[in-house]
N, C-alpha and C. Protein backbone atom coordinates (compact mmCIF):
# COMPACT_ATOMS: atom_id res chain seq x y z
N UNK A 1 58.84 91.97 126.44
CA UNK A 1 58.01 91.01 126.37
C UNK A 1 58.72 90.36 125.39
N UNK A 2 57.11 91.08 124.52
CA UNK A 2 56.84 91.14 123.31
C UNK A 2 58.05 90.42 122.87
N UNK A 3 59.31 91.98 123.15
CA UNK A 3 59.72 91.20 121.51
C UNK A 3 60.97 90.88 122.13
N UNK A 4 61.54 90.02 123.63
CA UNK A 4 61.66 89.03 123.57
C UNK A 4 61.71 88.19 122.65
N UNK A 5 60.37 88.26 122.88
CA UNK A 5 59.20 86.45 121.75
C UNK A 5 60.10 86.68 121.08
N UNK A 6 59.11 87.99 120.22
CA UNK A 6 59.72 88.32 118.81
C UNK A 6 61.22 87.52 118.45
N UNK A 7 61.84 87.65 119.04
CA UNK A 7 64.11 87.53 118.61
C UNK A 7 64.02 86.60 118.32
N UNK A 8 63.66 85.89 119.91
CA UNK A 8 64.36 84.29 119.84
C UNK A 8 62.90 83.93 118.65
N UNK A 9 61.99 84.27 118.82
CA UNK A 9 61.18 84.08 117.11
C UNK A 9 61.97 83.61 116.15
N UNK A 10 62.63 85.11 115.49
CA UNK A 10 63.86 84.90 114.79
C UNK A 10 64.59 84.37 115.06
N UNK A 11 65.30 83.68 116.06
CA UNK A 11 66.56 83.01 116.99
C UNK A 11 66.52 81.98 115.65
N UNK A 12 65.34 81.36 115.42
CA UNK A 12 64.22 79.46 115.25
C UNK A 12 64.30 80.24 113.43
N UNK A 13 64.14 81.15 112.86
CA UNK A 13 64.87 81.32 112.30
C UNK A 13 62.71 81.29 111.23
N UNK A 14 62.03 82.24 112.19
CA UNK A 14 61.00 82.24 112.11
C UNK A 14 60.48 82.90 111.51
N UNK A 15 60.14 83.09 110.17
CA UNK A 15 59.28 84.00 109.03
C UNK A 15 58.87 85.15 109.56
N UNK A 16 57.79 84.97 110.06
CA UNK A 16 56.35 86.30 110.39
C UNK A 16 57.10 86.63 111.98
N UNK A 17 57.52 86.03 112.21
CA UNK A 17 58.35 87.33 113.89
C UNK A 17 59.34 88.27 113.26
N UNK A 18 60.38 87.95 111.67
CA UNK A 18 61.36 88.10 111.18
C UNK A 18 60.51 89.52 111.10
N UNK A 19 59.62 89.48 110.23
CA UNK A 19 58.21 90.42 109.15
C UNK A 19 57.91 91.03 110.01
N UNK A 20 57.45 90.47 111.70
CA UNK A 20 56.79 91.56 112.90
C UNK A 20 58.55 92.22 112.90
N UNK A 21 59.09 91.78 112.39
CA UNK A 21 60.20 92.24 113.96
C UNK A 21 60.94 93.87 112.83
N UNK A 22 60.43 93.20 111.83
CA UNK A 22 61.11 94.92 110.80
C UNK A 22 60.29 95.73 109.84
N UNK A 23 58.94 94.69 110.18
CA UNK A 23 57.48 96.19 110.29
C UNK A 23 57.68 96.78 111.56
N UNK A 24 58.20 96.39 113.30
CA UNK A 24 57.84 97.36 114.35
C UNK A 24 59.19 98.37 114.03
N UNK A 25 61.10 97.83 113.51
CA UNK A 25 61.88 99.02 112.99
C UNK A 25 61.69 99.38 111.70
N UNK A 26 61.61 98.64 111.43
CA UNK A 26 62.06 99.95 109.23
C UNK A 26 61.88 101.49 109.40
N UNK A 27 61.01 101.80 109.73
CA UNK A 27 60.56 103.32 110.56
C UNK A 27 61.60 103.27 110.04
N UNK A 28 61.43 103.54 111.63
CA UNK A 28 63.16 104.49 112.92
C UNK A 28 64.58 104.81 112.51
N UNK A 29 64.85 102.54 112.21
CA UNK A 29 65.65 102.38 110.93
C UNK A 29 66.34 103.33 109.82
N UNK A 30 64.71 103.70 109.08
CA UNK A 30 65.40 103.64 107.65
C UNK A 30 65.55 105.75 108.12
N UNK A 31 65.11 105.99 109.73
CA UNK A 31 65.43 107.26 109.94
C UNK A 31 67.08 107.34 110.07
N UNK A 32 66.75 106.54 110.38
CA UNK A 32 68.28 106.64 111.11
C UNK A 32 69.60 107.10 110.01
N UNK A 33 69.31 106.01 109.17
CA UNK A 33 70.07 105.92 107.62
C UNK A 33 70.07 107.05 106.71
N UNK A 34 69.19 107.23 106.34
CA UNK A 34 68.85 109.62 105.51
C UNK A 34 69.59 109.89 106.05
N UNK A 35 69.75 110.05 108.36
CA UNK A 35 70.61 110.63 108.28
C UNK A 35 71.82 110.60 107.74
N UNK A 36 72.64 109.27 107.80
CA UNK A 36 73.71 109.65 107.45
C UNK A 36 73.46 109.20 105.17
N UNK A 37 72.94 108.74 105.09
CA UNK A 37 73.17 108.96 103.72
C UNK A 37 72.28 109.73 102.57
N UNK A 38 71.82 110.67 103.33
CA UNK A 38 70.53 111.87 102.12
C UNK A 38 70.21 111.49 101.46
N UNK A 39 69.90 110.25 100.99
CA UNK A 39 68.84 109.48 99.77
C UNK A 39 67.70 108.63 99.78
N UNK A 40 66.38 108.55 98.84
CA UNK A 40 65.83 107.90 100.51
C UNK A 40 66.71 106.24 99.37
N UNK A 41 66.46 105.91 98.21
CA UNK A 41 66.49 105.21 97.60
C UNK A 41 68.35 103.94 98.45
N UNK A 42 68.50 105.08 98.41
CA UNK A 42 70.10 104.93 99.56
C UNK A 42 69.95 104.02 100.89
N UNK A 43 69.01 104.99 100.98
CA UNK A 43 68.84 104.45 102.74
C UNK A 43 68.19 103.15 102.77
N UNK A 44 67.25 103.18 101.77
CA UNK A 44 66.92 101.78 101.35
C UNK A 44 67.48 100.63 101.55
N UNK A 45 68.17 100.68 100.61
CA UNK A 45 69.57 99.98 100.34
C UNK A 45 69.89 99.55 101.13
N UNK A 46 70.17 100.35 102.29
CA UNK A 46 71.71 99.98 103.63
C UNK A 46 70.48 99.66 104.30
N UNK A 47 69.25 99.63 104.46
CA UNK A 47 68.12 99.97 105.21
C UNK A 47 68.54 97.68 105.11
N UNK A 48 67.83 98.45 103.81
CA UNK A 48 67.45 95.65 103.26
C UNK A 48 68.99 95.58 104.46
N UNK A 49 69.67 96.65 103.40
CA UNK A 49 71.25 95.24 103.85
C UNK A 49 71.52 94.53 105.32
N UNK A 50 70.98 95.84 106.35
CA UNK A 50 71.13 95.94 107.92
C UNK A 50 70.91 94.90 108.31
N UNK A 51 69.62 94.79 107.56
CA UNK A 51 68.45 93.89 108.45
C UNK A 51 68.58 92.45 108.14
N UNK A 52 68.97 92.27 106.95
CA UNK A 52 69.48 91.19 106.43
C UNK A 52 70.89 90.94 107.35
N UNK A 53 72.14 90.71 107.37
CA UNK A 53 73.34 91.10 108.86
C UNK A 53 71.98 90.64 109.53
N UNK A 54 71.58 91.55 110.60
CA UNK A 54 70.66 91.43 111.61
C UNK A 54 70.28 89.92 112.16
N UNK A 55 69.38 89.93 111.06
CA UNK A 55 69.14 88.43 110.46
C UNK A 55 69.92 86.78 110.41
N UNK A 56 70.76 87.27 109.94
CA UNK A 56 71.55 87.17 109.48
C UNK A 56 72.44 86.31 110.89
N UNK A 57 72.81 87.39 111.73
CA UNK A 57 73.95 87.79 112.86
C UNK A 57 72.65 87.38 114.31
N UNK A 58 71.86 86.94 113.67
CA UNK A 58 70.37 87.58 115.79
C UNK A 58 71.19 86.52 116.60
N UNK A 59 72.08 85.78 116.16
CA UNK A 59 72.41 84.22 116.92
C UNK A 59 73.61 86.43 117.91
N UNK A 60 73.97 86.25 117.73
CA UNK A 60 74.76 87.44 118.89
C UNK A 60 73.82 88.65 119.55
N UNK A 61 72.77 88.45 118.89
CA UNK A 61 72.08 88.89 119.88
C UNK A 61 71.65 89.12 121.61
N UNK A 62 72.46 89.24 122.54
CA UNK A 62 71.90 88.84 124.02
C UNK A 62 72.25 89.62 124.92
N UNK A 63 71.40 90.49 124.24
CA UNK A 63 69.97 91.36 125.09
C UNK A 63 70.43 91.61 126.03
N UNK A 64 71.81 92.32 125.84
CA UNK A 64 72.60 93.20 126.88
C UNK A 64 72.79 95.24 126.32
N UNK A 65 72.03 94.65 125.63
CA UNK A 65 71.16 96.16 125.33
C UNK A 65 69.84 95.90 123.79
N UNK A 66 69.11 96.62 124.16
CA UNK A 66 68.25 96.84 123.63
C UNK A 66 67.76 96.30 121.57
N UNK A 67 67.31 95.62 121.07
CA UNK A 67 67.29 95.01 120.54
C UNK A 67 67.15 96.44 119.63
N UNK A 68 66.68 97.24 119.88
CA UNK A 68 66.79 98.60 119.06
C UNK A 68 68.21 98.98 118.59
N UNK A 69 68.67 98.84 119.74
CA UNK A 69 70.02 99.30 119.75
C UNK A 69 71.07 98.69 119.03
N UNK A 70 70.50 97.57 119.20
CA UNK A 70 72.04 96.56 118.73
C UNK A 70 71.85 96.92 116.75
N UNK A 71 70.35 97.10 116.36
CA UNK A 71 70.06 97.17 115.61
C UNK A 71 70.84 98.38 114.50
N UNK A 72 70.41 99.39 115.60
CA UNK A 72 70.95 100.58 114.87
C UNK A 72 72.61 100.49 115.16
N UNK A 73 73.44 100.55 115.50
CA UNK A 73 75.06 100.12 115.64
C UNK A 73 74.98 99.35 114.89
N UNK A 74 74.04 98.49 113.80
CA UNK A 74 74.31 97.52 112.29
C UNK A 74 74.21 99.72 111.10
N UNK A 75 72.62 100.63 111.91
CA UNK A 75 71.89 100.26 110.71
C UNK A 75 74.00 101.47 110.01
N UNK A 76 74.52 101.99 110.85
CA UNK A 76 74.86 103.06 111.40
C UNK A 76 76.49 102.94 110.67
N UNK A 77 76.38 101.74 110.64
CA UNK A 77 77.80 100.75 109.95
C UNK A 77 77.32 100.29 109.33
N UNK A 78 76.35 100.01 108.83
CA UNK A 78 76.12 99.63 107.44
C UNK A 78 76.23 101.24 106.80
N UNK A 79 75.66 102.30 107.14
CA UNK A 79 75.06 103.62 106.27
C UNK A 79 76.55 104.27 105.93
N UNK A 80 78.12 104.10 107.16
CA UNK A 80 79.13 105.07 106.58
C UNK A 80 79.92 103.67 106.38
N UNK A 81 79.51 102.57 105.91
CA UNK A 81 80.40 101.44 104.51
C UNK A 81 79.66 102.05 103.72
N UNK A 82 78.83 101.51 103.08
CA UNK A 82 78.03 102.76 101.99
C UNK A 82 78.30 103.60 101.28
N UNK A 83 79.17 104.70 102.72
CA UNK A 83 79.46 105.77 102.31
C UNK A 83 81.18 106.40 101.93
N UNK A 84 81.55 104.80 101.93
CA UNK A 84 83.06 105.07 102.36
C UNK A 84 82.66 104.00 100.97
N UNK A 85 82.75 103.52 100.89
CA UNK A 85 82.63 102.64 99.28
C UNK A 85 82.18 103.68 97.96
N UNK A 86 81.16 104.93 98.75
CA UNK A 86 80.86 105.16 97.59
C UNK A 86 82.09 107.22 96.83
N UNK A 87 82.54 106.81 99.07
CA UNK A 87 84.01 108.13 98.79
C UNK A 87 85.11 107.62 97.60
N UNK A 88 85.00 108.12 96.55
CA UNK A 88 86.52 107.83 96.00
C UNK A 88 87.17 107.29 97.04
N UNK A 89 87.77 109.29 97.57
CA UNK A 89 88.88 108.56 98.85
C UNK A 89 88.85 109.84 99.36
N UNK A 90 89.58 108.64 100.55
CA UNK A 90 89.95 109.45 102.38
C UNK A 90 90.97 110.08 102.45
N UNK A 91 91.09 111.40 102.80
CA UNK A 91 92.02 111.51 103.11
C UNK A 91 92.34 111.35 104.61
N UNK A 92 93.20 110.26 105.93
CA UNK A 92 93.19 110.35 106.74
C UNK A 92 94.33 111.34 107.12
N UNK A 93 93.75 111.47 108.06
CA UNK A 93 94.66 112.47 109.59
C UNK A 93 95.04 111.55 110.56
N UNK A 94 96.57 112.25 110.48
CA UNK A 94 96.96 111.83 112.43
C UNK A 94 96.59 112.76 112.74
N UNK A 95 95.85 112.07 114.47
CA UNK A 95 95.00 113.18 114.98
C UNK A 95 95.99 112.29 116.67
N UNK A 96 97.02 111.58 116.59
CA UNK A 96 97.13 111.04 117.10
C UNK A 96 98.24 111.78 118.46
N UNK A 97 99.34 113.23 117.29
CA UNK A 97 99.40 113.35 118.47
C UNK A 97 98.74 114.57 118.78
N UNK A 98 98.16 115.31 118.85
CA UNK A 98 97.13 116.43 119.42
C UNK A 98 96.33 115.70 121.16
N UNK A 99 96.36 116.98 121.39
CA UNK A 99 96.43 117.26 123.20
C UNK A 99 95.09 117.57 122.81
N UNK A 100 94.34 116.51 123.76
CA UNK A 100 92.37 116.74 124.17
C UNK A 100 91.79 117.30 124.87
N UNK A 101 91.25 118.92 124.62
CA UNK A 101 90.88 118.94 125.50
C UNK A 101 89.57 119.41 125.43
N UNK A 102 88.67 119.34 127.15
CA UNK A 102 87.85 118.41 127.02
C UNK A 102 86.41 120.71 127.48
N UNK A 103 85.90 119.66 126.00
CA UNK A 103 84.16 121.21 125.82
C UNK A 103 83.15 121.16 125.68
N UNK A 104 82.26 120.49 126.89
CA UNK A 104 80.90 120.30 127.72
C UNK A 104 80.52 122.25 127.20
N UNK A 105 81.03 123.22 126.66
CA UNK A 105 79.98 124.02 126.95
C UNK A 105 79.40 124.35 125.69
N UNK A 106 78.04 122.81 125.09
CA UNK A 106 77.90 123.35 124.36
C UNK A 106 76.49 123.61 123.50
N UNK A 107 76.87 125.20 123.32
CA UNK A 107 75.26 126.25 123.02
C UNK A 107 75.08 126.26 122.30
N UNK A 108 74.41 126.78 121.08
CA UNK A 108 73.49 126.37 120.45
C UNK A 108 72.77 127.96 120.28
N UNK A 109 72.36 129.48 119.16
CA UNK A 109 72.17 130.24 119.90
C UNK A 109 69.78 129.27 119.52
N UNK A 110 69.99 130.45 120.31
CA UNK A 110 68.24 129.72 120.10
C UNK A 110 67.59 130.04 118.77
N UNK A 111 68.20 131.00 117.55
CA UNK A 111 67.12 130.96 116.76
C UNK A 111 67.70 130.26 115.96
N UNK A 112 68.85 129.47 115.65
CA UNK A 112 69.18 128.40 115.10
C UNK A 112 68.11 126.98 114.88
N UNK A 113 68.27 126.47 114.38
CA UNK A 113 66.62 125.08 114.33
C UNK A 113 67.93 124.46 114.16
N UNK A 114 67.07 123.35 113.98
CA UNK A 114 67.37 121.66 114.05
C UNK A 114 68.44 120.97 112.96
N UNK A 115 67.42 121.86 111.90
CA UNK A 115 67.41 121.31 110.09
C UNK A 115 68.81 122.65 109.47
N UNK A 116 69.13 123.76 110.49
CA UNK A 116 70.41 124.71 110.34
C UNK A 116 71.40 123.58 110.99
N UNK A 117 71.47 122.74 111.45
CA UNK A 117 72.62 121.93 112.52
C UNK A 117 72.55 121.69 112.20
N UNK A 118 71.44 120.54 111.15
CA UNK A 118 71.65 118.83 110.42
C UNK A 118 72.90 119.47 109.34
N UNK A 119 72.28 120.83 108.87
CA UNK A 119 72.73 121.00 107.63
C UNK A 119 73.99 121.55 107.62
N UNK A 120 74.44 121.99 108.68
CA UNK A 120 76.41 122.30 109.02
C UNK A 120 76.83 121.07 109.55
N UNK A 121 76.08 120.33 110.54
CA UNK A 121 76.87 118.88 109.60
C UNK A 121 77.12 118.61 108.73
N UNK A 122 76.44 118.61 107.22
CA UNK A 122 77.19 118.10 106.10
C UNK A 122 77.75 118.66 105.43
N UNK A 123 78.22 119.53 106.72
CA UNK A 123 79.47 120.74 105.84
C UNK A 123 80.63 120.54 106.13
N UNK A 124 81.04 119.92 107.65
CA UNK A 124 82.20 119.51 107.49
C UNK A 124 82.64 118.48 107.16
N UNK A 125 83.91 118.37 107.46
CA UNK A 125 85.05 118.03 106.83
C UNK A 125 84.68 116.14 107.43
N UNK A 126 84.61 115.73 106.35
CA UNK A 126 84.08 113.61 106.79
C UNK A 126 84.26 113.03 107.98
N UNK A 127 85.45 113.03 108.09
CA UNK A 127 86.73 112.04 109.63
C UNK A 127 85.99 113.05 110.27
N UNK A 128 84.82 114.55 110.52
CA UNK A 128 84.68 114.94 111.92
C UNK A 128 83.11 114.50 111.42
N UNK A 129 82.76 114.97 110.66
CA UNK A 129 80.88 114.41 110.25
C UNK A 129 80.26 114.08 110.63
N UNK A 130 80.81 112.62 110.55
CA UNK A 130 80.69 110.92 111.37
C UNK A 130 80.69 111.02 112.59
N UNK A 131 81.23 111.24 113.31
CA UNK A 131 81.87 111.34 115.34
C UNK A 131 80.93 112.75 115.31
N UNK A 132 80.26 113.44 115.26
CA UNK A 132 79.34 114.83 115.30
C UNK A 132 78.45 114.54 115.29
N UNK A 133 77.59 113.40 114.05
CA UNK A 133 76.60 112.53 113.54
C UNK A 133 76.32 111.59 114.65
N UNK A 134 76.84 110.25 115.07
CA UNK A 134 76.70 110.37 116.28
C UNK A 134 76.88 110.73 116.97
N UNK A 135 77.65 112.00 118.45
CA UNK A 135 77.38 111.97 119.45
C UNK A 135 76.18 113.01 119.27
N UNK A 136 76.50 113.68 118.82
CA UNK A 136 74.73 115.27 119.29
C UNK A 136 73.84 114.08 119.13
N UNK A 137 73.99 113.78 118.06
CA UNK A 137 72.28 113.46 117.00
C UNK A 137 71.85 111.79 117.14
N UNK A 138 72.50 111.38 117.65
CA UNK A 138 72.42 109.60 117.44
C UNK A 138 72.61 109.33 119.19
N UNK A 139 73.18 110.71 119.82
CA UNK A 139 73.53 109.54 120.82
C UNK A 139 74.56 108.75 121.21
N UNK A 140 76.16 108.21 120.76
CA UNK A 140 76.37 107.41 120.99
C UNK A 140 77.80 107.95 121.96
N UNK A 141 77.58 107.88 122.29
CA UNK A 141 79.51 107.95 123.74
C UNK A 141 80.45 107.26 123.21
N UNK A 142 81.81 107.87 123.67
CA UNK A 142 82.90 108.24 123.20
C UNK A 142 83.84 106.99 122.29
N UNK A 143 82.67 105.88 123.40
CA UNK A 143 83.83 104.66 123.21
C UNK A 143 82.85 103.32 122.45
N UNK A 144 81.43 104.16 122.16
CA UNK A 144 81.02 103.67 120.96
C UNK A 144 80.80 103.51 119.56
N UNK A 145 81.64 105.45 119.61
CA UNK A 145 81.87 105.30 118.23
C UNK A 145 82.92 104.93 117.51
N UNK A 146 84.21 105.30 118.83
CA UNK A 146 85.46 104.90 118.34
C UNK A 146 85.50 102.90 118.62
N UNK A 147 84.40 102.51 118.99
CA UNK A 147 83.42 100.56 118.31
C UNK A 147 83.48 100.42 117.22
N UNK A 148 82.30 101.75 116.85
CA UNK A 148 81.82 101.65 115.74
C UNK A 148 82.58 101.94 114.48
N UNK A 149 83.33 103.25 114.58
CA UNK A 149 84.58 103.66 113.58
C UNK A 149 86.14 103.26 113.52
N UNK A 150 85.64 102.07 114.08
CA UNK A 150 87.41 101.40 114.88
C UNK A 150 88.47 102.53 114.15
N UNK A 151 88.30 103.70 115.17
CA UNK A 151 89.55 104.35 116.44
C UNK A 151 89.46 104.59 117.35
N UNK A 152 90.71 105.66 117.68
CA UNK A 152 91.15 105.04 119.57
C UNK A 152 90.25 105.82 119.98
N UNK A 153 90.36 106.39 120.91
CA UNK A 153 89.02 106.54 121.69
C UNK A 153 89.77 107.90 121.86
N UNK A 154 90.49 107.77 122.11
CA UNK A 154 91.84 109.93 121.96
C UNK A 154 91.29 110.29 120.41
N UNK A 155 91.45 110.30 119.89
CA UNK A 155 91.11 109.47 117.17
C UNK A 155 89.14 110.91 117.96
N UNK A 156 88.60 110.02 118.87
CA UNK A 156 87.17 110.53 118.85
C UNK A 156 86.63 111.50 119.53
N UNK A 157 87.33 111.97 120.91
CA UNK A 157 87.23 112.67 121.45
C UNK A 157 87.91 114.21 120.84
N UNK A 158 89.17 114.22 119.75
CA UNK A 158 89.77 115.24 119.26
C UNK A 158 88.50 115.38 118.16
N UNK A 159 88.47 114.82 117.39
CA UNK A 159 87.10 114.84 116.38
C UNK A 159 86.09 115.15 116.18
N UNK A 160 85.12 114.85 118.03
CA UNK A 160 84.64 115.79 117.72
C UNK A 160 84.77 116.54 118.88
N UNK A 161 84.99 116.48 119.51
CA UNK A 161 86.40 118.71 120.12
C UNK A 161 86.43 119.73 118.48
N UNK A 162 87.05 119.25 117.11
CA UNK A 162 87.04 119.38 116.74
C UNK A 162 86.14 120.66 115.35
N UNK A 163 85.38 118.61 115.44
CA UNK A 163 83.84 118.45 114.82
C UNK A 163 82.79 120.16 115.29
N UNK A 164 82.72 119.77 116.63
CA UNK A 164 82.21 120.67 117.21
C UNK A 164 82.59 122.37 116.72
N UNK A 165 83.20 122.51 116.46
CA UNK A 165 84.42 123.75 117.03
C UNK A 165 83.81 123.84 115.38
N UNK A 166 84.55 123.18 114.32
CA UNK A 166 83.71 124.43 112.62
C UNK A 166 82.29 124.22 112.99
N UNK A 167 81.66 122.86 113.69
CA UNK A 167 80.12 123.64 113.45
C UNK A 167 80.07 124.59 113.88
N UNK A 168 80.86 125.39 114.82
CA UNK A 168 80.10 126.57 115.86
C UNK A 168 80.16 127.79 115.44
N UNK A 169 81.35 127.37 113.83
CA UNK A 169 81.92 128.89 113.14
C UNK A 169 80.46 128.62 112.77
N UNK A 170 79.64 127.60 111.31
CA UNK A 170 79.61 127.54 110.32
C UNK A 170 78.15 128.22 111.18
N UNK A 171 77.68 127.70 112.11
CA UNK A 171 76.21 128.34 113.11
C UNK A 171 76.42 129.67 113.26
N UNK A 172 77.92 130.23 113.66
CA UNK A 172 77.88 131.58 114.16
C UNK A 172 77.79 132.37 112.48
N UNK A 173 78.11 131.59 111.20
CA UNK A 173 77.95 132.39 110.00
C UNK A 173 76.08 132.88 109.67
N UNK A 174 75.86 131.23 109.97
CA UNK A 174 73.98 131.29 109.48
C UNK A 174 73.72 132.80 111.16
N UNK A 175 74.97 132.30 111.99
CA UNK A 175 73.68 133.53 112.77
C UNK A 175 73.33 135.30 112.36
N UNK A 176 75.09 135.09 112.09
CA UNK A 176 75.03 136.66 111.82
C UNK A 176 75.34 137.09 109.93
N UNK A 177 74.41 135.62 109.29
CA UNK A 177 74.29 135.97 108.65
C UNK A 177 75.31 135.84 107.04
N UNK A 178 76.28 135.53 107.67
CA UNK A 178 77.19 135.70 106.18
C UNK A 178 76.91 134.46 105.21
N UNK A 179 76.29 133.59 106.36
CA UNK A 179 76.26 131.65 106.28
C UNK A 179 76.09 131.94 105.01
N UNK A 180 75.76 130.94 103.90
CA UNK A 180 74.90 130.84 102.26
C UNK A 180 72.88 130.32 102.93
């Protein structure tokens, strides 16, 4: 009940309510931004831009999902926008011709740590990295990822499948001692 009241107060442009909402979510959303941008100063910038956008667009929040989930989507989008601006050029892949085969067998050797998985995700090609990061670490489904990244559902599934395959290879090298 508290959250809904605070959000409603924010819709009335109540500064105290905005500060209260910011304090409640800033640490968690900072962590989300850091997983994408990997730099504290950049994550803070993304966080600030995300809250500004959230407060500007708060009338669009209808309560269909939690405020935290709604805000997290904004942070993810802002993080990706930041990385796209930072990237000098992106190579686009035409993946529309590929046939997608589902692979629900996603097991990681027990000796692999979460930090090693995160490190391995960073080594993925950019098109795969975002999809894998959003799916495995952020918990988004294919539909949500497709909407956020503005790609087709098939492209999302293909990138996740290929990204997980790359990730498995990187982690396999770590297990066998051939990785860095």
